PDB file of N, CA and C in Angstrom:
ATOM      1  N   UNK A   1      85.780  84.314 100.611  1.00  0.00           N
ATOM      2  CA  UNK A   1      85.862  82.901 100.875  1.00  0.00           C
ATOM      3  C   UNK A   1      86.018  82.713 102.380  1.00  0.00           C
ATOM      4  N   UNK A   2      85.202  81.856 102.958  1.00  0.00           N
ATOM      5  CA  UNK A   2      85.257  81.592 104.386  1.00  0.00           C
ATOM      6  C   UNK A   2      85.913  80.234 104.596  1.00  0.00           C
ATOM      7  N   UNK A   3      87.205  80.231 104.860  1.00  0.00           N
ATOM      8  CA  UNK A   3      87.960  78.995 105.038  1.00  0.00           C
ATOM      9  C   UNK A   3      88.049  78.663 106.518  1.00  0.00           C
ATOM     10  N   UNK A   4      87.621  77.453 106.898  1.00  0.00           N
ATOM     11  CA  UNK A   4      87.731  77.095 108.314  1.00  0.00           C
ATOM     12  C   UNK A   4      89.190  76.935 108.728  1.00  0.00           C
ATOM     13  N   UNK A   5      89.455  77.179 109.995  1.00  0.00           N
ATOM     14  CA  UNK A   5      90.811  77.032 110.516  1.00  0.00           C
ATOM     15  C   UNK A   5      91.154  75.554 110.640  1.00  0.00           C
ATOM     16  N   UNK A   6      92.424  75.246 110.414  1.00  0.00           N
ATOM     17  CA  UNK A   6      92.912  73.883 110.594  1.00  0.00           C
ATOM     18  C   UNK A   6      93.274  73.704 112.057  1.00  0.00           C
ATOM     19  N   UNK A   7      92.735  72.659 112.670  1.00  0.00           N
ATOM     20  CA  UNK A   7      92.997  72.427 114.082  1.00  0.00           C
ATOM     21  C   UNK A   7      93.531  71.005 114.254  1.00  0.00           C
ATOM     22  N   UNK A   8      94.633  70.883 114.973  1.00  0.00           N
ATOM     23  CA  UNK A   8      95.199  69.574 115.269  1.00  0.00           C
ATOM     24  C   UNK A   8      94.637  69.075 116.593  1.00  0.00           C
ATOM     25  N   UNK A   9      94.160  67.849 116.583  1.00  0.00           N
ATOM     26  CA  UNK A   9      93.750  67.185 117.813  1.00  0.00           C
ATOM     27  C   UNK A   9      94.733  66.047 118.013  1.00  0.00           C
ATOM     28  N   UNK A  10      95.459  66.093 119.099  1.00  0.00           N
ATOM     29  CA  UNK A  10      96.512  65.114 119.384  1.00  0.00           C
ATOM     30  C   UNK A  10      97.518  65.015 118.234  1.00  0.00           C
ATOM     31  N   UNK A  11      98.209  66.099 117.918  1.00  0.00           N
ATOM     32  CA  UNK A  11      99.179  66.054 116.818  1.00  0.00           C
ATOM     33  C   UNK A  11     100.337  65.120 117.156  1.00  0.00           C
ATOM     34  N   UNK A  12     100.937  64.514 116.133  1.00  0.00           N
ATOM     35  CA  UNK A  12     102.057  63.605 116.395  1.00  0.00           C
ATOM     36  C   UNK A  12     103.271  64.376 116.902  1.00  0.00           C
ATOM     37  N   UNK A  13     104.121  63.697 117.624  1.00  0.00           N
ATOM     38  CA  UNK A  13     105.364  64.288 118.108  1.00  0.00           C
ATOM     39  C   UNK A  13     106.411  64.219 117.000  1.00  0.00           C
ATOM     40  N   UNK A  14     107.132  65.302 116.802  1.00  0.00           N
ATOM     41  CA  UNK A  14     108.197  65.372 115.812  1.00  0.00           C
ATOM     42  C   UNK A  14     109.485  65.787 116.507  1.00  0.00           C
ATOM     43  N   UNK A  15     110.594  65.313 115.979  1.00  0.00           N
ATOM     44  CA  UNK A  15     111.873  65.844 116.441  1.00  0.00           C
ATOM     45  C   UNK A  15     112.038  67.216 115.805  1.00  0.00           C
ATOM     46  N   UNK A  16     112.952  68.008 116.312  1.00  0.00           N
ATOM     47  CA  UNK A  16     113.206  69.327 115.737  1.00  0.00           C
ATOM     48  C   UNK A  16     113.559  69.208 114.258  1.00  0.00           C
ATOM     49  N   UNK A  17     114.416  68.237 113.934  1.00  0.00           N
ATOM     50  CA  UNK A  17     114.844  68.066 112.544  1.00  0.00           C
ATOM     51  C   UNK A  17     113.678  67.621 111.659  1.00  0.00           C
ATOM     52  N   UNK A  18     112.844  66.698 112.155  1.00  0.00           N
ATOM     53  CA  UNK A  18     111.707  66.216 111.367  1.00  0.00           C
ATOM     54  C   UNK A  18     110.701  67.317 111.074  1.00  0.00           C
ATOM     55  N   UNK A  19     110.397  68.152 112.053  1.00  0.00           N
ATOM     56  CA  UNK A  19     109.422  69.212 111.801  1.00  0.00           C
ATOM     57  C   UNK A  19     110.002  70.253 110.860  1.00  0.00           C
ATOM     58  N   UNK A  20     111.307  70.518 110.950  1.00  0.00           N
ATOM     59  CA  UNK A  20     111.945  71.460 110.025  1.00  0.00           C
ATOM     60  C   UNK A  20     111.901  70.910 108.605  1.00  0.00           C
ATOM     61  N   UNK A  21     112.169  69.610 108.438  1.00  0.00           N
ATOM     62  CA  UNK A  21     112.114  68.997 107.109  1.00  0.00           C
ATOM     63  C   UNK A  21     110.688  68.989 106.565  1.00  0.00           C
ATOM     64  N   UNK A  22     109.719  68.715 107.421  1.00  0.00           N
ATOM     65  CA  UNK A  22     108.318  68.709 106.998  1.00  0.00           C
ATOM     66  C   UNK A  22     107.887  70.097 106.556  1.00  0.00           C
ATOM     67  N   UNK A  23     108.251  71.100 107.328  1.00  0.00           N
ATOM     68  CA  UNK A  23     107.893  72.470 106.978  1.00  0.00           C
ATOM     69  C   UNK A  23     108.576  72.903 105.685  1.00  0.00           C
ATOM     70  N   UNK A  24     109.846  72.534 105.495  1.00  0.00           N
ATOM     71  CA  UNK A  24     110.543  72.835 104.236  1.00  0.00           C
ATOM     72  C   UNK A  24     109.827  72.191 103.058  1.00  0.00           C
ATOM     73  N   UNK A  25     109.389  70.940 103.220  1.00  0.00           N
ATOM     74  CA  UNK A  25     108.657  70.248 102.157  1.00  0.00           C
ATOM     75  C   UNK A  25     107.362  70.983 101.828  1.00  0.00           C
ATOM     76  N   UNK A  26     106.618  71.387 102.853  1.00  0.00           N
ATOM     77  CA  UNK A  26     105.356  72.089 102.620  1.00  0.00           C
ATOM     78  C   UNK A  26     105.578  73.423 101.913  1.00  0.00           C
ATOM     79  N   UNK A  27     106.641  74.145 102.273  1.00  0.00           N
ATOM     80  CA  UNK A  27     106.962  75.401 101.584  1.00  0.00           C
ATOM     81  C   UNK A  27     107.288  75.142 100.118  1.00  0.00           C
ATOM     82  N   UNK A  28     108.078  74.098  99.855  1.00  0.00           N
ATOM     83  CA  UNK A  28     108.423  73.747  98.473  1.00  0.00           C
ATOM     84  C   UNK A  28     107.180  73.337  97.690  1.00  0.00           C
ATOM     85  N   UNK A  29     106.285  72.589  98.322  1.00  0.00           N
ATOM     86  CA  UNK A  29     105.041  72.175  97.677  1.00  0.00           C
ATOM     87  C   UNK A  29     104.185  73.392  97.334  1.00  0.00           C
ATOM     88  N   UNK A  30     104.043  74.315  98.280  1.00  0.00           N
ATOM     89  CA  UNK A  30     103.260  75.528  98.028  1.00  0.00           C
ATOM     90  C   UNK A  30     103.875  76.347  96.901  1.00  0.00           C
ATOM     91  N   UNK A  31     105.194  76.468  96.873  1.00  0.00           N
ATOM     92  CA  UNK A  31     105.871  77.222  95.812  1.00  0.00           C
ATOM     93  C   UNK A  31     105.670  76.548  94.460  1.00  0.00           C
ATOM     94  N   UNK A  32     105.743  75.219  94.418  1.00  0.00           N
ATOM     95  CA  UNK A  32     105.544  74.495  93.160  1.00  0.00           C
ATOM     96  C   UNK A  32     104.111  74.661  92.656  1.00  0.00           C
ATOM     97  N   UNK A  33     103.135  74.600  93.558  1.00  0.00           N
ATOM     98  CA  UNK A  33     101.740  74.795  93.161  1.00  0.00           C
ATOM     99  C   UNK A  33     101.510  76.210  92.647  1.00  0.00           C
ATOM    100  N   UNK A  34     102.059  77.203  93.353  1.00  0.00           N
ATOM    101  CA  UNK A  34     101.921  78.594  92.903  1.00  0.00           C
ATOM    102  C   UNK A  34     102.543  78.794  91.534  1.00  0.00           C
ATOM    103  N   UNK A  35     103.698  78.204  91.321  1.00  0.00           N
ATOM    104  CA  UNK A  35     104.395  78.348  90.047  1.00  0.00           C
ATOM    105  C   UNK A  35     103.616  77.683  88.920  1.00  0.00           C
ATOM    106  N   UNK A  36     103.135  76.477  89.159  1.00  0.00           N
ATOM    107  CA  UNK A  36     102.440  75.722  88.115  1.00  0.00           C
ATOM    108  C   UNK A  36     101.085  76.343  87.775  1.00  0.00           C
ATOM    109  N   UNK A  37     100.371  76.817  88.781  1.00  0.00           N
ATOM    110  CA  UNK A  37      99.020  77.336  88.584  1.00  0.00           C
ATOM    111  C   UNK A  37      98.959  78.861  88.664  1.00  0.00           C
ATOM    112  N   UNK A  38     100.061  79.529  88.376  1.00  0.00           N
ATOM    113  CA  UNK A  38     100.134  80.992  88.518  1.00  0.00           C
ATOM    114  C   UNK A  38      99.058  81.703  87.708  1.00  0.00           C
ATOM    115  N   UNK A  39      98.852  81.288  86.473  1.00  0.00           N
ATOM    116  CA  UNK A  39      97.846  81.934  85.626  1.00  0.00           C
ATOM    117  C   UNK A  39      96.450  81.812  86.199  1.00  0.00           C
ATOM    118  N   UNK A  40      96.100  80.621  86.647  1.00  0.00           N
ATOM    119  CA  UNK A  40      94.778  80.406  87.216  1.00  0.00           C
ATOM    120  C   UNK A  40      94.603  81.189  88.515  1.00  0.00           C
ATOM    121  N   UNK A  41      95.630  81.184  89.346  1.00  0.00           N
ATOM    122  CA  UNK A  41      95.552  81.935  90.597  1.00  0.00           C
ATOM    123  C   UNK A  41      95.401  83.427  90.332  1.00  0.00           C
ATOM    124  N   UNK A  42      96.131  83.935  89.347  1.00  0.00           N
ATOM    125  CA  UNK A  42      96.048  85.354  88.998  1.00  0.00           C
ATOM    126  C   UNK A  42      94.630  85.705  88.538  1.00  0.00           C
ATOM    127  N   UNK A  43      94.059  84.870  87.651  1.00  0.00           N
ATOM    128  CA  UNK A  43      92.694  85.128  87.173  1.00  0.00           C
ATOM    129  C   UNK A  43      91.698  85.096  88.323  1.00  0.00           C
ATOM    130  N   UNK A  44      91.851  84.132  89.209  1.00  0.00           N
ATOM    131  CA  UNK A  44      90.915  83.998  90.321  1.00  0.00           C
ATOM    132  C   UNK A  44      90.963  85.224  91.229  1.00  0.00           C
ATOM    133  N   UNK A  45      92.152  85.611  91.669  1.00  0.00           N
ATOM    134  CA  UNK A  45      92.265  86.742  92.585  1.00  0.00           C
ATOM    135  C   UNK A  45      91.909  88.062  91.905  1.00  0.00           C
ATOM    136  N   UNK A  46      92.166  88.157  90.602  1.00  0.00           N
ATOM    137  CA  UNK A  46      91.788  89.365  89.872  1.00  0.00           C
ATOM    138  C   UNK A  46      90.264  89.471  89.782  1.00  0.00           C
ATOM    139  N   UNK A  47      89.579  88.332  89.663  1.00  0.00           N
ATOM    140  CA  UNK A  47      88.118  88.354  89.577  1.00  0.00           C
ATOM    141  C   UNK A  47      87.483  88.775  90.902  1.00  0.00           C
ATOM    142  N   UNK A  48      88.184  88.582  92.010  1.00  0.00           N
ATOM    143  CA  UNK A  48      87.652  88.978  93.312  1.00  0.00           C
ATOM    144  C   UNK A  48      87.736  90.480  93.533  1.00  0.00           C
ATOM    145  N   UNK A  49      88.690  91.122  92.886  1.00  0.00           N
ATOM    146  CA  UNK A  49      88.920  92.555  93.063  1.00  0.00           C
ATOM    147  C   UNK A  49      88.903  93.225  91.698  1.00  0.00           C
ATOM    148  N   UNK A  50      87.702  93.592  91.200  1.00  0.00           N
ATOM    149  CA  UNK A  50      87.653  94.201  89.869  1.00  0.00           C
ATOM    150  C   UNK A  50      88.452  95.504  89.835  1.00  0.00           C
ATOM    151  N   UNK A  51      89.034  95.809  88.683  1.00  0.00           N
ATOM    152  CA  UNK A  51      89.864  97.018  88.586  1.00  0.00           C
ATOM    153  C   UNK A  51      89.050  98.295  88.780  1.00  0.00           C
ATOM    154  N   UNK A  52      89.730  99.304  89.283  1.00  0.00           N
ATOM    155  CA  UNK A  52      89.110 100.617  89.453  1.00  0.00           C
ATOM    156  C   UNK A  52      88.817 101.206  88.075  1.00  0.00           C
ATOM    157  N   UNK A  53      87.709 101.936  87.932  1.00  0.00           N
ATOM    158  CA  UNK A  53      87.466 102.581  86.637  1.00  0.00           C
ATOM    159  C   UNK A  53      88.534 103.644  86.376  1.00  0.00           C
ATOM    160  N   UNK A  54      88.934 103.741  85.112  1.00  0.00           N
ATOM    161  CA  UNK A  54      89.961 104.720  84.755  1.00  0.00           C
ATOM    162  C   UNK A  54      89.381 106.129  84.829  1.00  0.00           C
ATOM    163  N   UNK A  55      90.149 107.083  85.350  1.00  0.00           N
ATOM    164  CA  UNK A  55      89.637 108.455  85.439  1.00  0.00           C
ATOM    165  C   UNK A  55      89.510 109.079  84.052  1.00  0.00           C
ATOM    166  N   UNK A  56      88.555 109.992  83.933  1.00  0.00           N
ATOM    167  CA  UNK A  56      88.367 110.718  82.675  1.00  0.00           C
ATOM    168  C   UNK A  56      89.440 111.803  82.603  1.00  0.00           C
ATOM    169  N   UNK A  57      90.367 111.655  81.670  1.00  0.00           N
ATOM    170  CA  UNK A  57      91.476 112.599  81.556  1.00  0.00           C
ATOM    171  C   UNK A  57      91.026 113.972  81.070  1.00  0.00           C
ATOM    172  N   UNK A  58      89.837 114.042  80.494  1.00  0.00           N
ATOM    173  CA  UNK A  58      89.342 115.315  79.984  1.00  0.00           C
ATOM    174  C   UNK A  58      88.354 115.970  80.948  1.00  0.00           C
ATOM    175  N   UNK A  59      88.177 115.374  82.113  1.00  0.00           N
ATOM    176  CA  UNK A  59      87.281 115.932  83.110  1.00  0.00           C
ATOM    177  C   UNK A  59      87.869 117.242  83.631  1.00  0.00           C
ATOM    178  N   UNK A  60      87.024 118.245  83.822  1.00  0.00           N
ATOM    179  CA  UNK A  60      87.470 119.558  84.283  1.00  0.00           C
ATOM    180  C   UNK A  60      87.851 119.471  85.761  1.00  0.00           C
ATOM    181  N   UNK A  61      89.053 119.915  86.082  1.00  0.00           N
ATOM    182  CA  UNK A  61      89.512 119.900  87.463  1.00  0.00           C
ATOM    183  C   UNK A  61      88.996 121.102  88.248  1.00  0.00           C
ATOM    184  N   UNK A  62      88.493 122.091  87.567  1.00  0.00           N
ATOM    185  CA  UNK A  62      88.022 123.287  88.243  1.00  0.00           C
ATOM    186  C   UNK A  62      89.139 124.244  88.605  1.00  0.00           C
ATOM    187  N   UNK A  63      90.364 123.953  88.185  1.00  0.00           N
ATOM    188  CA  UNK A  63      91.490 124.838  88.466  1.00  0.00           C
ATOM    189  C   UNK A  63      91.508 125.985  87.461  1.00  0.00           C
ATOM    190  N   UNK A  64      91.980 127.137  87.930  1.00  0.00           N
ATOM    191  CA  UNK A  64      92.153 128.260  87.011  1.00  0.00           C
ATOM    192  C   UNK A  64      93.369 128.000  86.139  1.00  0.00           C
ATOM    193  N   UNK A  65      93.260 128.344  84.879  1.00  0.00           N
ATOM    194  CA  UNK A  65      94.387 128.187  83.967  1.00  0.00           C
ATOM    195  C   UNK A  65      95.383 129.315  84.208  1.00  0.00           C
ATOM    196  N   UNK A  66      96.665 129.005  84.198  1.00  0.00           N
ATOM    197  CA  UNK A  66      97.668 130.062  84.402  1.00  0.00           C
ATOM    198  C   UNK A  66      97.704 131.002  83.205  1.00  0.00           C
ATOM    199  N   UNK A  67      98.006 132.256  83.469  1.00  0.00           N
ATOM    200  CA  UNK A  67      98.130 133.221  82.363  1.00  0.00           C
ATOM    201  C   UNK A  67      99.595 133.297  81.962  1.00  0.00           C
ATOM    202  N   UNK A  68      99.834 133.305  80.671  1.00  0.00           N
ATOM    203  CA  UNK A  68     101.202 133.381  80.152  1.00  0.00           C
ATOM    204  C   UNK A  68     101.447 134.702  79.508  1.00  0.00           C
TER     205      UNK A  68
END
Protein backbone atom coordinates (compact mmCIF):
# COMPACT_ATOMS: atom_id res chain seq x y z
CA UNK A 1 0.00 0.00 0.00
CA UNK A 2 1.42 3.38 -1.00
CA UNK A 3 0.08 5.89 1.53
CA UNK A 4 0.92 9.53 0.90
CA UNK A 5 2.50 11.47 3.75
CA UNK A 6 0.33 13.89 5.71
CA UNK A 7 1.66 17.41 5.39
CA UNK A 8 0.47 20.44 7.35
CA UNK A 9 0.41 23.77 5.57
CA UNK A 10 0.08 26.59 8.08
CA UNK A 11 -0.88 24.35 11.02
CA UNK A 12 -2.84 26.00 13.83
CA UNK A 13 -1.05 27.10 16.98
CA UNK A 14 -1.72 24.98 20.06
CA UNK A 15 -0.80 25.47 23.67
CA UNK A 16 1.31 22.71 25.20
CA UNK A 17 -1.73 21.43 27.10
CA UNK A 18 -4.00 21.53 24.02
CA UNK A 19 -1.61 19.57 21.82
CA UNK A 20 -1.08 17.00 24.59
CA UNK A 21 -4.87 16.59 24.95
CA UNK A 22 -5.30 16.33 21.18
CA UNK A 23 -2.59 13.71 20.90
CA UNK A 24 -4.09 11.73 23.82
CA UNK A 25 -7.47 11.81 22.05
CA UNK A 26 -5.94 10.56 18.79
CA UNK A 27 -4.17 7.71 20.62
CA UNK A 28 -7.44 6.73 22.31
CA UNK A 29 -9.26 6.90 18.97
CA UNK A 30 -6.65 4.68 17.29
CA UNK A 31 -6.83 2.18 20.17
CA UNK A 32 -10.64 2.09 20.00
CA UNK A 33 -10.57 1.51 16.23
CA UNK A 34 -7.96 -1.25 16.58
CA UNK A 35 -10.00 -2.91 19.31
CA UNK A 36 -13.31 -2.70 17.46
CA UNK A 37 -11.94 -3.80 14.07
CA UNK A 38 -9.28 -6.24 15.33
CA UNK A 39 -10.66 -9.20 13.37
CA UNK A 40 -10.80 -7.31 10.11
CA UNK A 41 -7.35 -5.83 10.61
CA UNK A 42 -5.93 -9.27 11.39
CA UNK A 43 -7.47 -10.77 8.22
CA UNK A 44 -6.21 -7.89 6.10
CA UNK A 45 -2.61 -7.99 7.33
CA UNK A 46 -2.57 -11.80 7.22
CA UNK A 47 -3.65 -11.68 3.56
CA UNK A 48 -0.66 -9.45 2.76
CA UNK A 49 1.82 -11.95 4.18
CA UNK A 50 0.79 -15.51 3.30
CA UNK A 51 2.06 -18.14 5.74
CA UNK A 52 5.25 -20.05 5.04
CA UNK A 53 4.69 -23.59 3.76
CA UNK A 54 5.06 -26.17 6.51
CA UNK A 55 8.24 -28.26 6.27
CA UNK A 56 7.95 -31.93 5.36
CA UNK A 57 8.68 -33.72 8.64
CA UNK A 58 9.51 -36.92 6.78
CA UNK A 59 12.01 -35.28 4.44
CA UNK A 60 15.46 -36.89 4.66
CA UNK A 61 17.97 -34.62 6.39
CA UNK A 62 20.91 -36.52 4.97
CA UNK A 63 22.33 -37.07 8.45
CA UNK A 64 23.86 -40.40 9.39
CA UNK A 65 21.81 -42.33 11.91
CA UNK A 66 23.60 -42.98 15.20
CA UNK A 67 24.53 -46.56 15.98
CA UNK A 68 23.26 -47.97 19.26
